[in-house]
Amino acid sequence: MNATLRGIVYVSVWVVIWGTISSLMDWMLLVGEVYESGTAGQAITFIAYGAATVVLATRFSDRFLAASDETAADKE
């Protein structure tokens, strides 16, 4: 798999992870009546989980994306 495609897949997977986890947490907070739909609390939930996802994706990127660099070097 080339580096560009690998990067697109990597980012796409993290977007799905962010969306799934933040939506589940949002649902739990809505059901628990911690806040109502459309309020600042809901926005903060998605922003906070988005920030956490960016941090995790950045930290794990070397493990996933470096593998393509090693593979390309092996082929040469």
C-alpha atoms as a PDB file:
ATOM      1  CA  MET A   1       0.000   0.000   0.000  1.00  0.00           C
ATOM      2  CA  ASN A   2       1.520   3.367  -0.938  1.00  0.00           C
ATOM      3  CA  ALA A   3       2.170   6.060   1.682  1.00  0.00           C
ATOM      4  CA  THR A   4      -0.628   8.384   0.547  1.00  0.00           C
ATOM      5  CA  LEU A   5      -3.301   5.703   0.684  1.00  0.00           C
ATOM      6  CA  ARG A   6      -1.977   4.471   4.009  1.00  0.00           C
ATOM      7  CA  GLY A   7      -2.236   8.028   5.405  1.00  0.00           C
ATOM      8  CA  ILE A   8      -5.793   8.452   4.128  1.00  0.00           C
ATOM      9  CA  VAL A   9      -6.845   5.149   5.689  1.00  0.00           C
ATOM     10  CA  TYR A  10      -5.132   6.082   8.957  1.00  0.00           C
ATOM     11  CA  VAL A  11      -6.932   9.423   9.252  1.00  0.00           C
ATOM     12  CA  SER A  12     -10.252   7.888   8.169  1.00  0.00           C
ATOM     13  CA  VAL A  13     -10.053   5.218  10.865  1.00  0.00           C
ATOM     14  CA  TRP A  14      -9.362   7.841  13.530  1.00  0.00           C
ATOM     15  CA  VAL A  15     -12.317   9.945  12.346  1.00  0.00           C
ATOM     16  CA  VAL A  16     -14.582   6.905  12.700  1.00  0.00           C
ATOM     17  CA  ILE A  17     -13.144   6.178  16.159  1.00  0.00           C
ATOM     18  CA  TRP A  18     -13.700   9.805  17.225  1.00  0.00           C
ATOM     19  CA  GLY A  19     -17.243   9.867  15.883  1.00  0.00           C
ATOM     20  CA  THR A  20     -18.198   6.578  17.476  1.00  0.00           C
ATOM     21  CA  ILE A  21     -16.758   7.225  20.920  1.00  0.00           C
ATOM     22  CA  SER A  22     -17.927  10.828  21.170  1.00  0.00           C
ATOM     23  CA  SER A  23     -21.412   9.891  19.964  1.00  0.00           C
ATOM     24  CA  LEU A  24     -21.689   7.112  22.528  1.00  0.00           C
ATOM     25  CA  MET A  25     -20.544   9.436  25.295  1.00  0.00           C
ATOM     26  CA  ASP A  26     -22.922  12.144  24.064  1.00  0.00           C
ATOM     27  CA  TRP A  27     -25.784   9.651  24.089  1.00  0.00           C
ATOM     28  CA  MET A  28     -24.953   8.624  27.658  1.00  0.00           C
ATOM     29  CA  LEU A  29     -24.873  12.257  28.792  1.00  0.00           C
ATOM     30  CA  LEU A  30     -28.150  13.042  27.012  1.00  0.00           C
ATOM     31  CA  VAL A  31     -29.885  10.004  28.516  1.00  0.00           C
ATOM     32  CA  GLY A  32     -28.487  10.881  31.949  1.00  0.00           C
ATOM     33  CA  GLU A  33     -29.901  14.394  31.485  1.00  0.00           C
ATOM     34  CA  VAL A  34     -26.505  15.975  32.139  1.00  0.00           C
ATOM     35  CA  TYR A  35     -27.211  18.410  29.307  1.00  0.00           C
ATOM     36  CA  GLU A  36     -29.740  18.904  26.530  1.00  0.00           C
ATOM     37  CA  SER A  37     -29.294  18.531  22.799  1.00  0.00           C
ATOM     38  CA  GLY A  38     -27.849  21.601  21.097  1.00  0.00           C
ATOM     39  CA  THR A  39     -26.248  23.087  24.203  1.00  0.00           C
ATOM     40  CA  ALA A  40     -22.634  24.057  24.849  1.00  0.00           C
ATOM     41  CA  GLY A  41     -22.128  20.825  26.792  1.00  0.00           C
ATOM     42  CA  GLN A  42     -22.729  18.808  23.676  1.00  0.00           C
ATOM     43  CA  ALA A  43     -20.226  20.870  21.697  1.00  0.00           C
ATOM     44  CA  ILE A  44     -17.665  20.561  24.481  1.00  0.00           C
ATOM     45  CA  THR A  45     -18.095  16.788  24.501  1.00  0.00           C
ATOM     46  CA  PHE A  46     -17.330  16.472  20.795  1.00  0.00           C
ATOM     47  CA  ILE A  47     -14.465  18.987  20.923  1.00  0.00           C
ATOM     48  CA  ALA A  48     -12.860  17.285  23.930  1.00  0.00           C
ATOM     49  CA  TYR A  49     -13.042  13.847  22.354  1.00  0.00           C
ATOM     50  CA  GLY A  50     -11.759  15.319  19.100  1.00  0.00           C
ATOM     51  CA  ALA A  51      -8.737  16.761  20.891  1.00  0.00           C
ATOM     52  CA  ALA A  52      -8.067  13.453  22.650  1.00  0.00           C
ATOM     53  CA  THR A  53      -8.316  11.618  19.334  1.00  0.00           C
ATOM     54  CA  VAL A  54      -5.838  13.991  17.694  1.00  0.00           C
ATOM     55  CA  VAL A  55      -3.351  13.397  20.517  1.00  0.00           C
ATOM     56  CA  LEU A  56      -3.716   9.610  20.295  1.00  0.00           C
ATOM     57  CA  ALA A  57      -3.583   9.561  16.492  1.00  0.00           C
ATOM     58  CA  THR A  58      -0.414  11.652  16.539  1.00  0.00           C
ATOM     59  CA  ARG A  59       1.254   9.414  19.102  1.00  0.00           C
ATOM     60  CA  PHE A  60       0.413   6.205  17.227  1.00  0.00           C
ATOM     61  CA  SER A  61       1.160   7.570  13.758  1.00  0.00           C
ATOM     62  CA  ASP A  62       4.826   6.555  13.814  1.00  0.00           C
ATOM     63  CA  ARG A  63       3.921   2.918  14.370  1.00  0.00           C
ATOM     64  CA  PHE A  64       1.427   2.791  11.530  1.00  0.00           C
ATOM     65  CA  LEU A  65       2.940   5.142   8.972  1.00  0.00           C
ATOM     66  CA  ALA A  66       6.601   4.214   9.533  1.00  0.00           C
ATOM     67  CA  ALA A  67       5.833   0.668   8.406  1.00  0.00           C
ATOM     68  CA  SER A  68       5.209   1.973   4.882  1.00  0.00           C
ATOM     69  CA  ASP A  69       8.586   3.736   4.863  1.00  0.00           C
ATOM     70  CA  GLU A  70      10.375   0.541   5.866  1.00  0.00           C
ATOM     71  CA  THR A  71       8.507  -1.459   3.246  1.00  0.00           C
ATOM     72  CA  ALA A  72       9.418   1.052   0.538  1.00  0.00           C
ATOM     73  CA  ALA A  73      13.088   0.927   1.593  1.00  0.00           C
ATOM     74  CA  ASP A  74      13.041  -2.879   1.463  1.00  0.00           C
ATOM     75  CA  LYS A  75      11.704  -2.862  -2.098  1.00  0.00           C
ATOM     76  CA  GLU A  76      14.543  -0.630  -3.343  1.00  0.00           C
END
